[in-house]
Protein backbone atom coordinates (compact mmCIF):
# COMPACT_ATOMS: atom_id res chain seq x y z
CA UNK A 1 -15.59 -5.54 -18.60
CA UNK A 2 -13.25 -7.20 -21.19
CA UNK A 3 -11.41 -10.06 -19.52
CA UNK A 4 -8.45 -9.58 -21.89
CA UNK A 5 -7.97 -5.83 -21.34
CA UNK A 6 -6.75 -4.71 -17.96
CA UNK A 7 -7.08 -1.09 -16.68
CA UNK A 8 -4.36 -0.33 -14.08
CA UNK A 9 -3.89 2.79 -11.99
CA UNK A 10 -0.69 4.02 -10.27
CA UNK A 11 -0.18 7.17 -8.24
CA UNK A 12 3.19 8.70 -7.84
CA UNK A 13 5.20 11.83 -7.26
CA UNK A 14 8.69 12.40 -8.87
CA UNK A 15 10.54 10.71 -6.01
CA UNK A 16 8.79 7.40 -6.60
CA UNK A 17 8.75 7.60 -10.40
CA UNK A 18 11.59 5.16 -10.52
CA UNK A 19 9.86 2.61 -8.33
CA UNK A 20 6.77 2.93 -10.47
CA UNK A 21 8.84 2.24 -13.59
CA UNK A 22 10.24 -0.90 -12.17
CA UNK A 23 6.74 -2.11 -11.23
CA UNK A 24 5.59 -1.40 -14.67
CA UNK A 25 8.40 -3.42 -16.17
CA UNK A 26 7.35 -6.32 -14.03
CA UNK A 27 3.82 -5.97 -15.02
CA UNK A 28 4.53 -6.02 -18.78
CA UNK A 29 7.15 -8.85 -18.42
CA UNK A 30 4.70 -11.18 -16.69
CA UNK A 31 1.36 -10.25 -18.41
CA UNK A 32 2.08 -10.94 -22.11
CA UNK A 33 -1.06 -13.01 -22.29
CA UNK A 34 -3.15 -9.90 -21.78
CA UNK A 35 -4.42 -8.39 -25.05
CA UNK A 36 -3.96 -4.92 -23.78
CA UNK A 37 -3.02 -3.25 -20.49
CA UNK A 38 -4.15 0.34 -20.14
CA UNK A 39 -2.14 2.43 -17.65
CA UNK A 40 -3.48 5.53 -15.81
CA UNK A 41 -1.01 7.51 -13.66
CA UNK A 42 -2.19 9.92 -11.06
CA UNK A 43 0.62 12.38 -11.46
CA UNK A 44 1.76 14.47 -8.32
CA UNK A 45 4.59 16.37 -10.08
CA UNK A 46 6.51 13.72 -11.98
CA UNK A 47 9.21 15.45 -14.03
CA UNK A 48 9.45 15.41 -17.80
CA UNK A 49 12.47 13.13 -17.92
CA UNK A 50 10.83 10.49 -15.69
CA UNK A 51 7.64 10.71 -17.68
CA UNK A 52 9.63 10.10 -20.88
CA UNK A 53 11.32 7.00 -19.41
CA UNK A 54 7.94 5.54 -18.18
CA UNK A 55 6.54 6.06 -21.69
CA UNK A 56 9.58 4.37 -23.11
CA UNK A 57 8.80 1.31 -21.07
CA UNK A 58 5.33 1.09 -22.68
CA UNK A 59 6.76 1.68 -26.06
CA UNK A 60 9.34 -1.16 -25.66
CA UNK A 61 6.62 -3.68 -24.81
CA UNK A 62 4.46 -2.35 -27.48
CA UNK A 63 1.73 -1.29 -25.15
CA UNK A 64 -0.60 1.72 -25.09
CA UNK A 65 1.04 4.88 -23.79
CA UNK A 66 0.04 5.71 -20.25
CA UNK A 67 -2.65 8.35 -19.59
CA UNK A 68 -1.25 11.14 -17.37
CA UNK A 69 -3.81 12.48 -14.96
CA UNK A 70 -2.89 15.47 -12.72
CA UNK A 71 -3.42 14.44 -9.16
CA UNK A 72 -5.87 16.32 -7.04
CA UNK A 73 -4.42 18.02 -3.92
CA UNK A 74 -6.54 16.78 -0.97
CA UNK A 75 -5.72 19.82 1.14
CA UNK A 76 -6.87 22.22 -1.52
CA UNK A 77 -9.98 20.23 -2.27
CA UNK A 78 -11.08 20.29 1.43
CA UNK A 79 -9.55 23.75 2.11
CA UNK A 80 -7.87 22.39 5.17
CA UNK A 81 -4.51 20.94 6.27
CA UNK A 82 -4.49 17.16 5.90
CA UNK A 83 -1.90 15.55 8.07
CA UNK A 84 0.40 12.74 6.91
CA UNK A 85 0.54 9.56 8.89
CA UNK A 86 2.69 7.76 6.27
CA UNK A 87 3.98 8.27 2.73
CA UNK A 88 3.23 11.52 0.91
CA UNK A 89 0.08 13.48 0.11
CA UNK A 90 0.18 11.93 -3.48
CA UNK A 91 -1.35 8.75 -2.10
CA UNK A 92 -4.62 10.73 -1.39
CA UNK A 93 -4.91 11.09 -5.21
CA UNK A 94 -6.47 7.62 -5.46
CA UNK A 95 -9.51 8.81 -3.40
CA UNK A 96 -10.52 10.70 -6.48
CA UNK A 97 -10.23 7.67 -8.69
CA UNK A 98 -13.94 7.63 -9.82
CA UNK A 99 -13.93 11.28 -10.95
CA UNK A 100 -10.57 11.15 -12.69
CA UNK A 101 -11.06 8.02 -14.83
CA UNK A 102 -13.28 7.61 -17.86
CA UNK A 103 -16.96 7.34 -16.90
CA UNK A 104 -17.45 4.30 -19.05
CA UNK A 105 -14.79 2.32 -17.18
CA UNK A 106 -16.49 -0.16 -14.75
CA UNK A 107 -13.44 -1.93 -13.24
CA UNK A 108 -9.95 -0.82 -12.45
CA UNK A 109 -6.94 -2.34 -10.57
CA UNK A 110 -5.10 0.05 -8.32
CA UNK A 111 -1.44 -0.74 -7.65
CA UNK A 112 1.09 0.92 -5.37
CA UNK A 113 4.41 1.70 -6.87
CA UNK A 114 6.34 -0.49 -4.47
CA UNK A 115 5.05 -3.71 -6.02
CA UNK A 116 6.44 -6.38 -8.35
CA UNK A 117 4.09 -8.29 -10.51
CA UNK A 118 5.32 -11.95 -10.31
CA UNK A 119 2.56 -13.68 -12.42
CA UNK A 120 0.18 -12.58 -15.06
CA UNK A 121 -2.33 -10.05 -13.92
CA UNK A 122 -5.11 -11.90 -15.72
CA UNK A 123 -6.25 -14.08 -12.79
CA UNK A 124 -6.53 -11.15 -10.36
CA UNK A 125 -8.13 -8.83 -13.06
CA UNK A 126 -10.97 -11.40 -13.67
CA UNK A 127 -11.52 -12.17 -9.92
CA UNK A 128 -15.19 -12.33 -8.81
CA UNK A 129 -15.32 -10.23 -5.73
CA UNK A 130 -18.82 -11.22 -4.87
CA UNK A 131 -20.61 -7.93 -5.43
CA UNK A 132 -18.47 -5.95 -3.17
CA UNK A 133 -17.13 -2.53 -4.08
CA UNK A 134 -13.49 -3.61 -3.85
CA UNK A 135 -11.34 -6.66 -3.50
CA UNK A 136 -8.24 -6.19 -1.19
CA UNK A 137 -6.02 -7.96 1.22
CA UNK A 138 -7.18 -8.31 4.78
CA UNK A 139 -4.44 -6.71 6.94
CA UNK A 140 -3.28 -7.76 10.38
CA UNK A 141 -4.19 -4.82 12.67
CA UNK A 142 -5.30 -4.95 16.27
CA UNK A 143 -8.85 -3.94 17.36
CA UNK A 144 -7.44 -0.63 18.77
CA UNK A 145 -6.72 0.56 15.20
CA UNK A 146 -10.37 -0.01 14.29
CA UNK A 147 -11.52 2.06 17.16
CA UNK A 148 -9.66 5.16 15.86
CA UNK A 149 -11.51 5.01 12.54
CA UNK A 150 -14.97 4.22 13.97
CA UNK A 151 -14.94 0.54 13.15
CA UNK A 152 -15.94 -2.31 15.46
CA UNK A 153 -13.26 -4.75 16.86
CA UNK A 154 -13.90 -7.43 14.23
CA UNK A 155 -14.56 -5.23 11.26
CA UNK A 156 -12.33 -5.81 8.23
CA UNK A 157 -9.09 -3.75 7.82
CA UNK A 158 -7.44 -4.04 4.44
CA UNK A 159 -4.15 -3.04 2.94
CA UNK A 160 -4.91 -0.53 0.10
CA UNK A 161 -1.77 -1.22 -1.97
CA UNK A 162 -3.68 -3.59 -4.24
CA UNK A 163 -7.26 -2.75 -4.80
CA UNK A 164 -9.53 -4.22 -7.46
CA UNK A 165 -12.26 -1.68 -7.76
CA UNK A 166 -15.81 -1.90 -9.05
CA UNK A 167 -16.08 1.69 -10.36
CA UNK A 168 -19.66 1.51 -11.21
CA UNK A 169 -20.57 0.50 -7.57
CA UNK A 170 -18.06 3.06 -6.24
CA UNK A 171 -19.90 5.87 -8.08
CA UNK A 172 -23.44 4.49 -7.24
CA UNK A 173 -22.48 4.35 -3.59
CA UNK A 174 -20.88 7.83 -3.65
CA UNK A 175 -17.69 6.62 -2.04
CA UNK A 176 -15.66 9.58 -3.01
CA UNK A 177 -18.01 11.96 -1.20
CA UNK A 178 -18.09 9.69 1.76
CA UNK A 179 -14.29 9.47 1.99
CA UNK A 180 -14.06 13.29 1.80
CA UNK A 181 -16.72 13.69 4.45
CA UNK A 182 -14.78 11.33 6.80
CA UNK A 183 -11.58 13.20 6.39
CA UNK A 184 -13.42 16.49 7.07
CA UNK A 185 -15.10 15.09 10.09
CA UNK A 186 -11.74 13.96 11.42
CA UNK A 187 -10.36 17.40 10.76
CA UNK A 188 -7.78 15.98 8.36
CA UNK A 189 -6.09 13.73 11.03
CA UNK A 190 -6.58 10.18 9.89
CA UNK A 191 -4.78 7.16 11.32
CA UNK A 192 -2.82 5.66 8.34
CA UNK A 193 -3.85 8.66 6.20
CA UNK A 194 -5.71 7.75 2.94
CA UNK A 195 -5.62 4.02 3.87
CA UNK A 196 -7.37 4.76 7.09
CA UNK A 197 -10.05 6.68 5.29
CA UNK A 198 -10.55 3.91 2.83
CA UNK A 199 -10.89 1.31 5.59
CA UNK A 200 -13.37 3.50 7.53
CA UNK A 201 -15.68 3.88 4.52
CA UNK A 202 -15.23 0.54 2.78
CA UNK A 203 -14.66 -2.00 5.54
CA UNK A 204 -18.08 -3.54 4.98
CA UNK A 205 -17.90 -3.56 1.25
CA UNK A 206 -14.60 -5.30 0.85
CA UNK A 207 -14.08 -8.86 -0.49
CA UNK A 208 -10.76 -10.20 0.99
CA UNK A 209 -8.77 -12.01 -1.71
CA UNK A 210 -5.99 -14.46 -1.09
CA UNK A 211 -2.75 -12.98 0.35
CA UNK A 212 -0.76 -14.29 -2.68
CA UNK A 213 -2.20 -11.31 -4.60
CA UNK A 214 -0.51 -8.89 -2.18
CA UNK A 215 2.36 -10.55 -0.39
CA UNK A 216 3.57 -8.11 2.24
CA UNK A 217 7.13 -7.74 3.74
CA UNK A 218 5.73 -8.76 7.23
CA UNK A 219 5.17 -12.29 5.86
CA UNK A 220 8.92 -12.65 5.34
CA UNK A 221 10.12 -10.81 8.49
CA UNK A 222 8.14 -13.16 10.92
CA UNK A 223 6.83 -16.67 10.90
CA UNK A 224 3.09 -16.99 11.15
CA UNK A 225 2.79 -17.33 14.98
CA UNK A 226 5.26 -14.45 15.39
CA UNK A 227 3.26 -12.20 13.11
CA UNK A 228 0.04 -13.04 14.96
CA UNK A 229 1.76 -12.25 18.28
CA UNK A 230 3.16 -9.01 16.87
CA UNK A 231 0.17 -7.64 15.03
CA UNK A 232 -2.67 -9.20 17.22
CA UNK A 233 -5.37 -9.20 14.55
CA UNK A 234 -8.86 -10.22 15.60
CA UNK A 235 -10.46 -13.64 14.69
CA UNK A 236 -11.00 -14.43 11.07
CA UNK A 237 -7.56 -13.65 9.76
CA UNK A 238 -5.90 -15.73 7.09
CA UNK A 239 -4.79 -19.38 7.83
CA UNK A 240 -1.13 -20.34 8.03
CA UNK A 241 -1.31 -22.21 4.82
CA UNK A 242 -2.54 -19.22 2.89
CA UNK A 243 0.27 -17.03 4.19
CA UNK A 244 2.71 -19.77 3.31
CA UNK A 245 1.50 -19.87 -0.32
CA UNK A 246 1.75 -16.11 -0.47
CA UNK A 247 5.45 -16.40 0.45
CA UNK A 248 6.40 -19.28 -1.69
CA UNK A 249 4.15 -18.60 -4.73
CA UNK A 250 3.25 -14.90 -4.80
CA UNK A 251 1.45 -13.38 -7.66
CA UNK A 252 2.22 -9.86 -6.47
CA UNK A 253 5.09 -9.00 -4.04
CA UNK A 254 4.50 -5.83 -2.13
CA UNK A 255 7.65 -4.26 -0.64
CA UNK A 256 6.04 -2.54 2.40
CA UNK A 257 7.94 -0.82 5.15
CA UNK A 258 9.17 -2.78 8.01
CA UNK A 259 11.42 -2.00 11.07
CA UNK A 260 13.26 -5.34 10.44
CA UNK A 261 13.85 -4.88 6.70
CA UNK A 262 14.99 -2.34 4.13
CA UNK A 263 13.20 -2.03 0.82
CA UNK A 264 14.93 -3.26 -2.32
CA UNK A 265 15.87 0.16 -3.68
CA UNK A 266 17.66 0.96 -0.45
CA UNK A 267 21.26 -0.20 0.14
CA UNK A 268 21.44 -3.21 2.35
CA UNK A 269 18.03 -4.91 1.63
CA UNK A 270 17.86 -8.62 2.30
CA UNK A 271 14.30 -9.28 1.36
CA UNK A 272 13.74 -12.77 -0.10
CA UNK A 273 12.79 -11.28 -3.42
CA UNK A 274 15.27 -8.34 -3.61
CA UNK A 275 17.08 -9.99 -6.58
CA UNK A 276 13.81 -10.18 -8.46
CA UNK A 277 13.25 -6.38 -8.02
CA UNK A 278 16.83 -5.64 -9.07
CA UNK A 279 16.25 -7.85 -12.18
CA UNK A 280 13.35 -5.58 -13.27
CA UNK A 281 15.35 -2.48 -12.39
CA UNK A 282 18.14 -3.70 -14.69
CA UNK A 283 15.42 -3.88 -17.50
CA UNK A 284 14.29 -0.35 -16.76
CA UNK A 285 15.61 3.06 -17.91
CA UNK A 286 16.81 3.46 -14.30
CA UNK A 287 19.14 0.49 -14.59
CA UNK A 288 22.27 2.68 -13.91
CA UNK A 289 20.70 4.72 -11.14
CA UNK A 290 22.28 4.05 -7.73
CA UNK A 291 20.43 2.53 -4.97
CA UNK A 292 19.10 4.85 -2.29
CA UNK A 293 20.78 5.60 1.02
CA UNK A 294 18.92 4.67 4.10
CA UNK A 295 17.39 7.89 5.43
CA UNK A 296 15.92 6.42 8.66
CA UNK A 297 16.54 8.89 11.58
CA UNK A 298 19.33 8.02 13.96
CA UNK A 299 16.99 7.75 16.97
CA UNK A 300 14.84 5.12 15.25
CA UNK A 301 17.89 3.34 13.90
CA UNK A 302 19.29 3.16 17.44
CA UNK A 303 15.95 1.81 18.83
CA UNK A 304 15.79 -0.78 16.03
CA UNK A 305 19.34 -2.04 16.73
CA UNK A 306 18.44 -2.42 20.35
CA UNK A 307 15.33 -4.48 19.53
CA UNK A 308 17.28 -6.71 17.14
CA UNK A 309 19.86 -7.59 19.77
CA UNK A 310 17.17 -8.60 22.23
CA UNK A 311 16.03 -12.32 22.53
CA UNK A 312 13.57 -12.80 19.72
CA UNK A 313 10.62 -13.65 22.11
CA UNK A 314 11.15 -10.52 24.20
CA UNK A 315 11.70 -8.32 21.12
CA UNK A 316 8.39 -9.59 19.66
CA UNK A 317 6.51 -8.85 22.99
CA UNK A 318 7.86 -5.40 23.26
CA UNK A 319 7.47 -4.50 19.56
CA UNK A 320 3.95 -6.02 19.59
CA UNK A 321 2.85 -3.90 22.57
CA UNK A 322 4.11 -0.77 20.69
CA UNK A 323 2.41 -1.85 17.42
CA UNK A 324 -0.95 -3.20 18.69
CA UNK A 325 -1.49 -0.76 21.52
CA UNK A 326 1.01 2.09 21.51
CA UNK A 327 0.69 3.29 18.07
CA UNK A 328 -3.16 3.39 18.08
CA UNK A 329 -2.94 5.17 21.41
CA UNK A 330 -0.45 7.72 20.00
CA UNK A 331 -2.70 8.32 16.92
CA UNK A 332 -5.69 8.93 19.17
CA UNK A 333 -3.78 11.53 21.05
CA UNK A 334 -2.55 13.26 17.91
CA UNK A 335 -6.02 13.24 16.46
CA UNK A 336 -7.17 15.14 19.62
CA UNK A 337 -4.27 17.61 19.15
CA UNK A 338 -2.72 16.50 22.57
CA UNK A 339 0.95 16.69 23.09
CA UNK A 340 2.85 13.48 23.73
CA UNK A 341 5.11 13.16 26.74
CA UNK A 342 8.75 12.38 25.89
CA UNK A 343 8.63 8.91 27.42
CA UNK A 344 5.48 7.93 25.51
CA UNK A 345 7.02 9.29 22.32
CA UNK A 346 9.74 6.62 22.61
CA UNK A 347 7.24 3.79 23.69
CA UNK A 348 5.07 4.51 20.63
CA UNK A 349 7.83 4.64 18.10
CA UNK A 350 6.89 3.17 14.70
CA UNK A 351 8.05 -0.35 14.94
CA UNK A 352 5.43 -1.23 12.28
CA UNK A 353 4.77 -2.09 8.65
CA UNK A 354 2.61 0.30 6.57
């Protein structure tokens, strides 16, 4: 591994090409100290115009042109329908990362598109993740989530939006084959989709890096005690000081979904770092593209508004029950192909962050 040459992987469909482009601008703007940044894009149907604009970003910063890799369709690979729990099927493309990237490549950094790089990528790229297969952020999920993907109550669950991957170990441990087997054994119905499969297979092979390398929206929507009450993670979660640093001095800002917030490309976003995202958008070829309309369903919007009008403590308690217990329970029912009753459909609504 060359400490001065970073290899970065994104995965996107055409809808998120603009979001990918903004992330790429932030990466180049803040990592000028890197000798080279090699970009690989797992392409799930990005149109020619958007590809040209993404390449124009690399050209403007005098970086190597991205390598476009046609994303594999998980449903076709497994000859079965793979259900979505979040996002789009394009996210499953990263499960094939070892077979799609050059065999001589030993380390790669995977980044979701909804990310802004706030500091040089150098420190994270050169992180020692102690012989584990991946380095990732420990995520705050209740033990009930773990049960749905065959994990024990205190096993690590991580957010897969930023993953530093030892590709050599990934290949030696046959991670790709194990991921596909897990999805097949679950009949294509996985809690949290591809992220759930990654957690099931790699929980015991994950080094949990500092949260400043993947600063999630939930850190901004809740204070530390509120977050712990809402998400109810098991013992061993990050300390309050670590989360505080992730908020005040983030290396990577991850604009994850949240029932209390909009994302920066959606009209009405009030995230602490929305202006930073807009700054990089203004430096991108999409600078004149309008912000997106909020497409959240009316039923969910209605439920969210009711929650927001409740006393904060009561809202947290109700949303926490739905998040920590209701959603895993609903996922378990769906995995068993059982039909939810109307009242439980409301109780288990997605008042959650992905």
